[in-house]
Amino acid sequence: IPIPRGEAYIWDCATIAAQRGRGIFSGLLCFMLEDLRQAGYRRA
């Protein structure tokens, strides 16, 4: 699905098996979203 200019697609995310259950992906996702916001993107 093509997305408009100024939008982003988050993909191929993973937490290493030994570190699962700690909320790492949720923390990483929030970091990625804030990084996109600061860069001026509209939607993820």
ModelCIF file with pLDDT and N, C-alpha, C, O atoms, coordinates in Angstrom:
data_MODEL
#
_entry.id   MODEL 
#
_entity.id                         1 
_entity.type                       polymer 
_entity.pdbx_number_of_molecules   1 
#
_entity_poly.entity_id                      1 
_entity_poly.type                           'polypeptide(L)' 
_entity_poly.nstd_linkage                   no 
_entity_poly.nstd_monomer                   no 
_entity_poly.pdbx_seq_one_letter_code       IPIPRGEAYIWDCATIAAQRGRGIFSGLLCFMLEDLRQAGYRRA 
_entity_poly.pdbx_seq_one_letter_code_can   IPIPRGEAYIWDCATIAAQRGRGIFSGLLCFMLEDLRQAGYRRA 
_entity_poly.pdbx_strand_id                 A 
#
loop_
_entity_poly_seq.entity_id 
_entity_poly_seq.num 
_entity_poly_seq.mon_id 
_entity_poly_seq.hetero 
1 1  ILE n 
1 2  PRO n 
1 3  ILE n 
1 4  PRO n 
1 5  ARG n 
1 6  GLY n 
1 7  GLU n 
1 8  ALA n 
1 9  TYR n 
1 10 ILE n 
1 11 TRP n 
1 12 ASP n 
1 13 CYS n 
1 14 ALA n 
1 15 THR n 
1 16 ILE n 
1 17 ALA n 
1 18 ALA n 
1 19 GLN n 
1 20 ARG n 
1 21 GLY n 
1 22 ARG n 
1 23 GLY n 
1 24 ILE n 
1 25 PHE n 
1 26 SER n 
1 27 GLY n 
1 28 LEU n 
1 29 LEU n 
1 30 CYS n 
1 31 PHE n 
1 32 MET n 
1 33 LEU n 
1 34 GLU n 
1 35 ASP n 
1 36 LEU n 
1 37 ARG n 
1 38 GLN n 
1 39 ALA n 
1 40 GLY n 
1 41 TYR n 
1 42 ARG n 
1 43 ARG n 
1 44 ALA n 
#
_struct_asym.id          A 
_struct_asym.entity_id   1 
#
loop_
_ma_qa_metric.id 
_ma_qa_metric.mode 
_ma_qa_metric.name 
_ma_qa_metric.software_group_id 
_ma_qa_metric.type 
1 global pLDDT . pLDDT 
2 local  pLDDT . pLDDT 
#
_ma_qa_metric_global.metric_id      1 
_ma_qa_metric_global.metric_value   94.00 
_ma_qa_metric_global.model_id       1 
_ma_qa_metric_global.ordinal_id     1 
#
loop_
_ma_qa_metric_local.label_asym_id 
_ma_qa_metric_local.label_comp_id 
_ma_qa_metric_local.label_seq_id 
_ma_qa_metric_local.metric_id 
_ma_qa_metric_local.metric_value 
_ma_qa_metric_local.model_id 
_ma_qa_metric_local.ordinal_id 
A ILE 1  2 86.00 1 1  
A PRO 2  2 89.00 1 2  
A ILE 3  2 90.00 1 3  
A PRO 4  2 92.00 1 4  
A ARG 5  2 93.00 1 5  
A GLY 6  2 95.00 1 6  
A GLU 7  2 96.00 1 7  
A ALA 8  2 97.00 1 8  
A TYR 9  2 95.00 1 9  
A ILE 10 2 95.00 1 10 
A TRP 11 2 92.00 1 11 
A ASP 12 2 91.00 1 12 
A CYS 13 2 92.00 1 13 
A ALA 14 2 93.00 1 14 
A THR 15 2 94.00 1 15 
A ILE 16 2 95.00 1 16 
A ALA 17 2 94.00 1 17 
A ALA 18 2 95.00 1 18 
A GLN 19 2 95.00 1 19 
A ARG 20 2 92.00 1 20 
A GLY 21 2 91.00 1 21 
A ARG 22 2 93.00 1 22 
A GLY 23 2 92.00 1 23 
A ILE 24 2 94.00 1 24 
A PHE 25 2 92.00 1 25 
A SER 26 2 91.00 1 26 
A GLY 27 2 94.00 1 27 
A LEU 28 2 95.00 1 28 
A LEU 29 2 94.00 1 29 
A CYS 30 2 94.00 1 30 
A PHE 31 2 96.00 1 31 
A MET 32 2 97.00 1 32 
A LEU 33 2 96.00 1 33 
A GLU 34 2 96.00 1 34 
A ASP 35 2 97.00 1 35 
A LEU 36 2 97.00 1 36 
A ARG 37 2 96.00 1 37 
A GLN 38 2 96.00 1 38 
A ALA 39 2 96.00 1 39 
A GLY 40 2 96.00 1 40 
A TYR 41 2 96.00 1 41 
A ARG 42 2 95.00 1 42 
A ARG 43 2 95.00 1 43 
A ALA 44 2 96.00 1 44 
#
loop_
_atom_site.group_PDB 
_atom_site.id 
_atom_site.type_symbol 
_atom_site.label_atom_id 
_atom_site.label_alt_id 
_atom_site.label_comp_id 
_atom_site.label_asym_id 
_atom_site.label_entity_id 
_atom_site.label_seq_id 
_atom_site.pdbx_PDB_ins_code 
_atom_site.Cartn_x 
_atom_site.Cartn_y 
_atom_site.Cartn_z 
_atom_site.occupancy 
_atom_site.B_iso_or_equiv 
_atom_site.pdbx_formal_charge 
_atom_site.auth_seq_id 
_atom_site.auth_comp_id 
_atom_site.auth_asym_id 
_atom_site.auth_atom_id 
_atom_site.pdbx_PDB_model_num 
ATOM 1   N N  . ILE A 1 1  ? 0.852  -1.180  0.000  1.00 86.00 ? 1  ILE A N  1 
ATOM 2   C CA . ILE A 1 1  ? 0.000  0.000   0.000  1.00 86.00 ? 1  ILE A CA 1 
ATOM 3   C C  . ILE A 1 1  ? 0.892  1.235   0.000  1.00 86.00 ? 1  ILE A C  1 
ATOM 4   O O  . ILE A 1 1  ? 1.551  1.502   1.005  1.00 86.00 ? 1  ILE A O  1 
ATOM 5   N N  . PRO A 1 2  ? 0.936  1.991   -1.080 1.00 89.00 ? 2  PRO A N  1 
ATOM 6   C CA . PRO A 1 2  ? 1.715  3.237   -1.065 1.00 89.00 ? 2  PRO A CA 1 
ATOM 7   C C  . PRO A 1 2  ? 1.175  4.183   0.003  1.00 89.00 ? 2  PRO A C  1 
ATOM 8   O O  . PRO A 1 2  ? -0.035 4.275   0.205  1.00 89.00 ? 2  PRO A O  1 
ATOM 9   N N  . ILE A 1 3  ? 2.072  4.880   0.679  1.00 90.00 ? 3  ILE A N  1 
ATOM 10  C CA . ILE A 1 3  ? 1.642  5.852   1.680  1.00 90.00 ? 3  ILE A CA 1 
ATOM 11  C C  . ILE A 1 3  ? 2.064  7.251   1.239  1.00 90.00 ? 3  ILE A C  1 
ATOM 12  O O  . ILE A 1 3  ? 3.062  7.402   0.534  1.00 90.00 ? 3  ILE A O  1 
ATOM 13  N N  . PRO A 1 4  ? 1.314  8.270   1.647  1.00 92.00 ? 4  PRO A N  1 
ATOM 14  C CA . PRO A 1 4  ? 1.630  9.635   1.213  1.00 92.00 ? 4  PRO A CA 1 
ATOM 15  C C  . PRO A 1 4  ? 2.977  10.102  1.750  1.00 92.00 ? 4  PRO A C  1 
ATOM 16  O O  . PRO A 1 4  ? 3.490  9.577   2.738  1.00 92.00 ? 4  PRO A O  1 
ATOM 17  N N  . ARG A 1 5  ? 3.533  11.100  1.076  1.00 93.00 ? 5  ARG A N  1 
ATOM 18  C CA . ARG A 1 5  ? 4.762  11.724  1.542  1.00 93.00 ? 5  ARG A CA 1 
ATOM 19  C C  . ARG A 1 5  ? 4.552  12.256  2.965  1.00 93.00 ? 5  ARG A C  1 
ATOM 20  O O  . ARG A 1 5  ? 3.489  12.790  3.281  1.00 93.00 ? 5  ARG A O  1 
ATOM 21  N N  . GLY A 1 6  ? 5.547  12.110  3.798  1.00 95.00 ? 6  GLY A N  1 
ATOM 22  C CA . GLY A 1 6  ? 5.439  12.588  5.175  1.00 95.00 ? 6  GLY A CA 1 
ATOM 23  C C  . GLY A 1 6  ? 4.848  11.576  6.137  1.00 95.00 ? 6  GLY A C  1 
ATOM 24  O O  . GLY A 1 6  ? 4.543  11.912  7.281  1.00 95.00 ? 6  GLY A O  1 
ATOM 25  N N  . GLU A 1 7  ? 4.679  10.308  5.674  1.00 96.00 ? 7  GLU A N  1 
ATOM 26  C CA . GLU A 1 7  ? 4.187  9.256   6.545  1.00 96.00 ? 7  GLU A CA 1 
ATOM 27  C C  . GLU A 1 7  ? 5.216  8.134   6.585  1.00 96.00 ? 7  GLU A C  1 
ATOM 28  O O  . GLU A 1 7  ? 6.115  8.072   5.746  1.00 96.00 ? 7  GLU A O  1 
ATOM 29  N N  . ALA A 1 8  ? 5.078  7.256   7.560  1.00 97.00 ? 8  ALA A N  1 
ATOM 30  C CA . ALA A 1 8  ? 6.096  6.225   7.781  1.00 97.00 ? 8  ALA A CA 1 
ATOM 31  C C  . ALA A 1 8  ? 5.436  4.895   8.089  1.00 97.00 ? 8  ALA A C  1 
ATOM 32  O O  . ALA A 1 8  ? 4.297  4.839   8.552  1.00 97.00 ? 8  ALA A O  1 
ATOM 33  N N  . TYR A 1 9  ? 6.169  3.831   7.823  1.00 95.00 ? 9  TYR A N  1 
ATOM 34  C CA . TYR A 1 9  ? 5.700  2.477   8.132  1.00 95.00 ? 9  TYR A CA 1 
ATOM 35  C C  . TYR A 1 9  ? 6.717  1.788   9.034  1.00 95.00 ? 9  TYR A C  1 
ATOM 36  O O  . TYR A 1 9  ? 7.888  1.661   8.677  1.00 95.00 ? 9  TYR A O  1 
ATOM 37  N N  . ILE A 1 10 ? 6.272  1.351   10.186 1.00 95.00 ? 10 ILE A N  1 
ATOM 38  C CA . ILE A 1 10 ? 7.122  0.644   11.147 1.00 95.00 ? 10 ILE A CA 1 
ATOM 39  C C  . ILE A 1 10 ? 7.006  -0.854  10.870 1.00 95.00 ? 10 ILE A C  1 
ATOM 40  O O  . ILE A 1 10 ? 5.903  -1.398  10.806 1.00 95.00 ? 10 ILE A O  1 
ATOM 41  N N  . TRP A 1 11 ? 8.156  -1.518  10.704 1.00 92.00 ? 11 TRP A N  1 
ATOM 42  C CA . TRP A 1 11 ? 8.131  -2.924  10.305 1.00 92.00 ? 11 TRP A CA 1 
ATOM 43  C C  . TRP A 1 11 ? 9.350  -3.671  10.846 1.00 92.00 ? 11 TRP A C  1 
ATOM 44  O O  . TRP A 1 11 ? 10.302 -3.069  11.341 1.00 92.00 ? 11 TRP A O  1 
ATOM 45  N N  . ASP A 1 12 ? 9.292  -4.986  10.737 1.00 91.00 ? 12 ASP A N  1 
ATOM 46  C CA . ASP A 1 12 ? 10.378 -5.881  11.158 1.00 91.00 ? 12 ASP A CA 1 
ATOM 47  C C  . ASP A 1 12 ? 10.935 -5.465  12.513 1.00 91.00 ? 12 ASP A C  1 
ATOM 48  O O  . ASP A 1 12 ? 12.104 -5.097  12.634 1.00 91.00 ? 12 ASP A O  1 
ATOM 49  N N  . CYS A 1 13 ? 10.087 -5.528  13.516 1.00 92.00 ? 13 CYS A N  1 
ATOM 50  C CA . CYS A 1 13 ? 10.490 -5.230  14.895 1.00 92.00 ? 13 CYS A CA 1 
ATOM 51  C C  . CYS A 1 13 ? 10.571 -6.533  15.680 1.00 92.00 ? 13 CYS A C  1 
ATOM 52  O O  . CYS A 1 13 ? 9.775  -7.445  15.456 1.00 92.00 ? 13 CYS A O  1 
ATOM 53  N N  . ALA A 1 14 ? 11.508 -6.622  16.581 1.00 93.00 ? 14 ALA A N  1 
ATOM 54  C CA . ALA A 1 14 ? 11.630 -7.832  17.389 1.00 93.00 ? 14 ALA A CA 1 
ATOM 55  C C  . ALA A 1 14 ? 12.359 -7.525  18.688 1.00 93.00 ? 14 ALA A C  1 
ATOM 56  O O  . ALA A 1 14 ? 13.181 -6.611  18.760 1.00 93.00 ? 14 ALA A O  1 
ATOM 57  N N  . THR A 1 15 ? 12.045 -8.298  19.698 1.00 94.00 ? 15 THR A N  1 
ATOM 58  C CA . THR A 1 15 ? 12.789 -8.308  20.952 1.00 94.00 ? 15 THR A CA 1 
ATOM 59  C C  . THR A 1 15 ? 13.531 -9.634  21.040 1.00 94.00 ? 15 THR A C  1 
ATOM 60  O O  . THR A 1 15 ? 12.947 -10.688 20.787 1.00 94.00 ? 15 THR A O  1 
ATOM 61  N N  . ILE A 1 16 ? 14.796 -9.594  21.391 1.00 95.00 ? 16 ILE A N  1 
ATOM 62  C CA . ILE A 1 16 ? 15.572 -10.824 21.540 1.00 95.00 ? 16 ILE A CA 1 
ATOM 63  C C  . ILE A 1 16 ? 14.903 -11.717 22.579 1.00 95.00 ? 16 ILE A C  1 
ATOM 64  O O  . ILE A 1 16 ? 14.444 -11.247 23.620 1.00 95.00 ? 16 ILE A O  1 
ATOM 65  N N  . ALA A 1 17 ? 14.857 -13.016 22.276 1.00 94.00 ? 17 ALA A N  1 
ATOM 66  C CA . ALA A 1 17 ? 14.078 -13.951 23.100 1.00 94.00 ? 17 ALA A CA 1 
ATOM 67  C C  . ALA A 1 17 ? 14.392 -13.842 24.594 1.00 94.00 ? 17 ALA A C  1 
ATOM 68  O O  . ALA A 1 17 ? 13.486 -13.872 25.426 1.00 94.00 ? 17 ALA A O  1 
ATOM 69  N N  . ALA A 1 18 ? 15.664 -13.717 24.926 1.00 95.00 ? 18 ALA A N  1 
ATOM 70  C CA . ALA A 1 18 ? 16.056 -13.697 26.344 1.00 95.00 ? 18 ALA A CA 1 
ATOM 71  C C  . ALA A 1 18 ? 15.568 -12.451 27.069 1.00 95.00 ? 18 ALA A C  1 
ATOM 72  O O  . ALA A 1 18 ? 15.551 -12.422 28.299 1.00 95.00 ? 18 ALA A O  1 
ATOM 73  N N  . GLN A 1 19 ? 15.168 -11.412 26.319 1.00 95.00 ? 19 GLN A N  1 
ATOM 74  C CA . GLN A 1 19 ? 14.769 -10.144 26.933 1.00 95.00 ? 19 GLN A CA 1 
ATOM 75  C C  . GLN A 1 19 ? 13.261 -9.897  26.855 1.00 95.00 ? 19 GLN A C  1 
ATOM 76  O O  . GLN A 1 19 ? 12.797 -8.831  27.259 1.00 95.00 ? 19 GLN A O  1 
ATOM 77  N N  . ARG A 1 20 ? 12.500 -10.844 26.352 1.00 92.00 ? 20 ARG A N  1 
ATOM 78  C CA . ARG A 1 20 ? 11.062 -10.648 26.234 1.00 92.00 ? 20 ARG A CA 1 
ATOM 79  C C  . ARG A 1 20 ? 10.391 -10.635 27.608 1.00 92.00 ? 20 ARG A C  1 
ATOM 80  O O  . ARG A 1 20 ? 10.884 -11.215 28.575 1.00 92.00 ? 20 ARG A O  1 
ATOM 81  N N  . GLY A 1 21 ? 9.258  -9.957  27.651 1.00 91.00 ? 21 GLY A N  1 
ATOM 82  C CA . GLY A 1 21 ? 8.514  -9.868  28.902 1.00 91.00 ? 21 GLY A CA 1 
ATOM 83  C C  . GLY A 1 21 ? 8.877  -8.670  29.748 1.00 91.00 ? 21 GLY A C  1 
ATOM 84  O O  . GLY A 1 21 ? 8.372  -8.535  30.863 1.00 91.00 ? 21 GLY A O  1 
ATOM 85  N N  . ARG A 1 22 ? 9.745  -7.788  29.251 1.00 93.00 ? 22 ARG A N  1 
ATOM 86  C CA . ARG A 1 22 ? 10.201 -6.617  30.013 1.00 93.00 ? 22 ARG A CA 1 
ATOM 87  C C  . ARG A 1 22 ? 9.594  -5.308  29.503 1.00 93.00 ? 22 ARG A C  1 
ATOM 88  O O  . ARG A 1 22 ? 9.865  -4.246  30.064 1.00 93.00 ? 22 ARG A O  1 
ATOM 89  N N  . GLY A 1 23 ? 8.786  -5.371  28.460 1.00 92.00 ? 23 GLY A N  1 
ATOM 90  C CA . GLY A 1 23 ? 8.212  -4.154  27.902 1.00 92.00 ? 23 GLY A CA 1 
ATOM 91  C C  . GLY A 1 23 ? 9.140  -3.419  26.956 1.00 92.00 ? 23 GLY A C  1 
ATOM 92  O O  . GLY A 1 23 ? 8.939  -2.233  26.693 1.00 92.00 ? 23 GLY A O  1 
ATOM 93  N N  . ILE A 1 24 ? 10.160 -4.103  26.436 1.00 94.00 ? 24 ILE A N  1 
ATOM 94  C CA . ILE A 1 24 ? 11.137 -3.441  25.575 1.00 94.00 ? 24 ILE A CA 1 
ATOM 95  C C  . ILE A 1 24 ? 10.501 -2.962  24.277 1.00 94.00 ? 24 ILE A C  1 
ATOM 96  O O  . ILE A 1 24 ? 10.785 -1.851  23.829 1.00 94.00 ? 24 ILE A O  1 
ATOM 97  N N  . PHE A 1 25 ? 9.644  -3.778  23.661 1.00 92.00 ? 25 PHE A N  1 
ATOM 98  C CA . PHE A 1 25 ? 9.053  -3.350  22.408 1.00 92.00 ? 25 PHE A CA 1 
ATOM 99  C C  . PHE A 1 25 ? 8.172  -2.113  22.594 1.00 92.00 ? 25 PHE A C  1 
ATOM 100 O O  . PHE A 1 25 ? 8.194  -1.209  21.759 1.00 92.00 ? 25 PHE A O  1 
ATOM 101 N N  . SER A 1 26 ? 7.408  -2.068  23.665 1.00 91.00 ? 26 SER A N  1 
ATOM 102 C CA . SER A 1 26 ? 6.574  -0.885  23.911 1.00 91.00 ? 26 SER A CA 1 
ATOM 103 C C  . SER A 1 26 ? 7.442  0.362   24.068 1.00 91.00 ? 26 SER A C  1 
ATOM 104 O O  . SER A 1 26 ? 7.109  1.424   23.542 1.00 91.00 ? 26 SER A O  1 
ATOM 105 N N  . GLY A 1 27 ? 8.562  0.230   24.797 1.00 94.00 ? 27 GLY A N  1 
ATOM 106 C CA . GLY A 1 27 ? 9.475  1.359   24.956 1.00 94.00 ? 27 GLY A CA 1 
ATOM 107 C C  . GLY A 1 27 ? 10.101 1.765   23.637 1.00 94.00 ? 27 GLY A C  1 
ATOM 108 O O  . GLY A 1 27 ? 10.227 2.955   23.348 1.00 94.00 ? 27 GLY A O  1 
ATOM 109 N N  . LEU A 1 28 ? 10.493 0.793   22.840 1.00 95.00 ? 28 LEU A N  1 
ATOM 110 C CA . LEU A 1 28 ? 11.096 1.072   21.533 1.00 95.00 ? 28 LEU A CA 1 
ATOM 111 C C  . LEU A 1 28 ? 10.087 1.750   20.614 1.00 95.00 ? 28 LEU A C  1 
ATOM 112 O O  . LEU A 1 28 ? 10.430 2.686   19.891 1.00 95.00 ? 28 LEU A O  1 
ATOM 113 N N  . LEU A 1 29 ? 8.854  1.282   20.641 1.00 94.00 ? 29 LEU A N  1 
ATOM 114 C CA . LEU A 1 29 ? 7.821  1.845   19.786 1.00 94.00 ? 29 LEU A CA 1 
ATOM 115 C C  . LEU A 1 29 ? 7.581  3.317   20.129 1.00 94.00 ? 29 LEU A C  1 
ATOM 116 O O  . LEU A 1 29 ? 7.468  4.150   19.229 1.00 94.00 ? 29 LEU A O  1 
ATOM 117 N N  . CYS A 1 30 ? 7.504  3.640   21.409 1.00 94.00 ? 30 CYS A N  1 
ATOM 118 C CA . CYS A 1 30 ? 7.315  5.037   21.805 1.00 94.00 ? 30 CYS A CA 1 
ATOM 119 C C  . CYS A 1 30 ? 8.511  5.892   21.380 1.00 94.00 ? 30 CYS A C  1 
ATOM 120 O O  . CYS A 1 30 ? 8.336  7.032   20.950 1.00 94.00 ? 30 CYS A O  1 
ATOM 121 N N  . PHE A 1 31 ? 9.718  5.347   21.498 1.00 96.00 ? 31 PHE A N  1 
ATOM 122 C CA . PHE A 1 31 ? 10.913 6.070   21.040 1.00 96.00 ? 31 PHE A CA 1 
ATOM 123 C C  . PHE A 1 31 ? 10.819 6.352   19.546 1.00 96.00 ? 31 PHE A C  1 
ATOM 124 O O  . PHE A 1 31 ? 11.116 7.466   19.113 1.00 96.00 ? 31 PHE A O  1 
ATOM 125 N N  . MET A 1 32 ? 10.416 5.374   18.759 1.00 97.00 ? 32 MET A N  1 
ATOM 126 C CA . MET A 1 32 ? 10.322 5.538   17.317 1.00 97.00 ? 32 MET A CA 1 
ATOM 127 C C  . MET A 1 32 ? 9.274  6.580   16.950 1.00 97.00 ? 32 MET A C  1 
ATOM 128 O O  . MET A 1 32 ? 9.493  7.396   16.054 1.00 97.00 ? 32 MET A O  1 
ATOM 129 N N  . LEU A 1 33 ? 8.134  6.555   17.640 1.00 96.00 ? 33 LEU A N  1 
ATOM 130 C CA . LEU A 1 33 ? 7.069  7.512   17.347 1.00 96.00 ? 33 LEU A CA 1 
ATOM 131 C C  . LEU A 1 33 ? 7.510  8.937   17.663 1.00 96.00 ? 33 LEU A C  1 
ATOM 132 O O  . LEU A 1 33 ? 7.254  9.853   16.882 1.00 96.00 ? 33 LEU A O  1 
ATOM 133 N N  . GLU A 1 34 ? 8.168  9.129   18.795 1.00 96.00 ? 34 GLU A N  1 
ATOM 134 C CA . GLU A 1 34 ? 8.625  10.475  19.148 1.00 96.00 ? 34 GLU A CA 1 
ATOM 135 C C  . GLU A 1 34 ? 9.698  10.948  18.183 1.00 96.00 ? 34 GLU A C  1 
ATOM 136 O O  . GLU A 1 34 ? 9.752  12.131  17.847 1.00 96.00 ? 34 GLU A O  1 
ATOM 137 N N  . ASP A 1 35 ? 10.554 10.035  17.735 1.00 97.00 ? 35 ASP A N  1 
ATOM 138 C CA . ASP A 1 35 ? 11.578 10.394  16.754 1.00 97.00 ? 35 ASP A CA 1 
ATOM 139 C C  . ASP A 1 35 ? 10.920 10.859  15.456 1.00 97.00 ? 35 ASP A C  1 
ATOM 140 O O  . ASP A 1 35 ? 11.363 11.835  14.851 1.00 97.00 ? 35 ASP A O  1 
ATOM 141 N N  . LEU A 1 36 ? 9.869  10.167  15.030 1.00 97.00 ? 36 LEU A N  1 
ATOM 142 C CA . LEU A 1 36 ? 9.145  10.568  13.823 1.00 97.00 ? 36 LEU A CA 1 
ATOM 143 C C  . LEU A 1 36 ? 8.450  11.910  14.030 1.00 97.00 ? 36 LEU A C  1 
ATOM 144 O O  . LEU A 1 36 ? 8.435  12.744  13.125 1.00 97.00 ? 36 LEU A O  1 
ATOM 145 N N  . ARG A 1 37 ? 7.882  12.122  15.199 1.00 96.00 ? 37 ARG A N  1 
ATOM 146 C CA . ARG A 1 37 ? 7.207  13.396  15.476 1.00 96.00 ? 37 ARG A CA 1 
ATOM 147 C C  . ARG A 1 37 ? 8.188  14.555  15.389 1.00 96.00 ? 37 ARG A C  1 
ATOM 148 O O  . ARG A 1 37 ? 7.897  15.579  14.773 1.00 96.00 ? 37 ARG A O  1 
ATOM 149 N N  . GLN A 1 38 ? 9.351  14.389  16.010 1.00 96.00 ? 38 GLN A N  1 
ATOM 150 C CA . GLN A 1 38 ? 10.344 15.459  15.990 1.00 96.00 ? 38 GLN A CA 1 
ATOM 151 C C  . GLN A 1 38 ? 10.866 15.727  14.581 1.00 96.00 ? 38 GLN A C  1 
ATOM 152 O O  . GLN A 1 38 ? 11.288 16.843  14.277 1.00 96.00 ? 38 GLN A O  1 
ATOM 153 N N  . ALA A 1 39 ? 10.841 14.720  13.733 1.00 96.00 ? 39 ALA A N  1 
ATOM 154 C CA . ALA A 1 39 ? 11.307 14.883  12.350 1.00 96.00 ? 39 ALA A CA 1 
ATOM 155 C C  . ALA A 1 39 ? 10.225 15.469  11.446 1.00 96.00 ? 39 ALA A C  1 
ATOM 156 O O  . ALA A 1 39 ? 10.478 15.721  10.268 1.00 96.00 ? 39 ALA A O  1 
ATOM 157 N N  . GLY A 1 40 ? 9.029  15.689  11.978 1.00 96.00 ? 40 GLY A N  1 
ATOM 158 C CA . GLY A 1 40 ? 7.983  16.344  11.216 1.00 96.00 ? 40 GLY A CA 1 
ATOM 159 C C  . GLY A 1 40 ? 7.054  15.425  10.443 1.00 96.00 ? 40 GLY A C  1 
ATOM 160 O O  . GLY A 1 40 ? 6.327  15.887  9.563  1.00 96.00 ? 40 GLY A O  1 
ATOM 161 N N  . TYR A 1 41 ? 7.061  14.127  10.753 1.00 96.00 ? 41 TYR A N  1 
ATOM 162 C CA . TYR A 1 41 ? 6.163  13.207  10.061 1.00 96.00 ? 41 TYR A CA 1 
ATOM 163 C C  . TYR A 1 41 ? 4.736  13.331  10.593 1.00 96.00 ? 41 TYR A C  1 
ATOM 164 O O  . TYR A 1 41 ? 4.514  13.812  11.703 1.00 96.00 ? 41 TYR A O  1 
ATOM 165 N N  . ARG A 1 42 ? 3.780  12.890  9.785  1.00 95.00 ? 42 ARG A N  1 
ATOM 166 C CA . ARG A 1 42 ? 2.373  13.034  10.119 1.00 95.00 ? 42 ARG A CA 1 
ATOM 167 C C  . ARG A 1 42 ? 1.805  11.804  10.813 1.00 95.00 ? 42 ARG A C  1 
ATOM 168 O O  . ARG A 1 42 ? 1.209  11.892  11.886 1.00 95.00 ? 42 ARG A O  1 
ATOM 169 N N  . ARG A 1 43 ? 2.005  10.657  10.175 1.00 95.00 ? 43 ARG A N  1 
ATOM 170 C CA . ARG A 1 43 ? 1.408  9.425   10.681 1.00 95.00 ? 43 ARG A CA 1 
ATOM 171 C C  . ARG A 1 43 ? 2.411  8.287   10.594 1.00 95.00 ? 43 ARG A C  1 
ATOM 172 O O  . ARG A 1 43 ? 3.303  8.276   9.746  1.00 95.00 ? 43 ARG A O  1 
ATOM 173 N N  . ALA A 1 44 ? 2.234  7.326   11.503 1.00 96.00 ? 44 ALA A N  1 
ATOM 174 C CA . ALA A 1 44 ? 3.013  6.091   11.467 1.00 96.00 ? 44 ALA A CA 1 
ATOM 175 C C  . ALA A 1 44 ? 2.048  4.925   11.335 1.00 96.00 ? 44 ALA A C  1 
ATOM 176 O O  . ALA A 1 44 ? 2.476  3.772   11.284 1.00 96.00 ? 44 ALA A O  1 
#
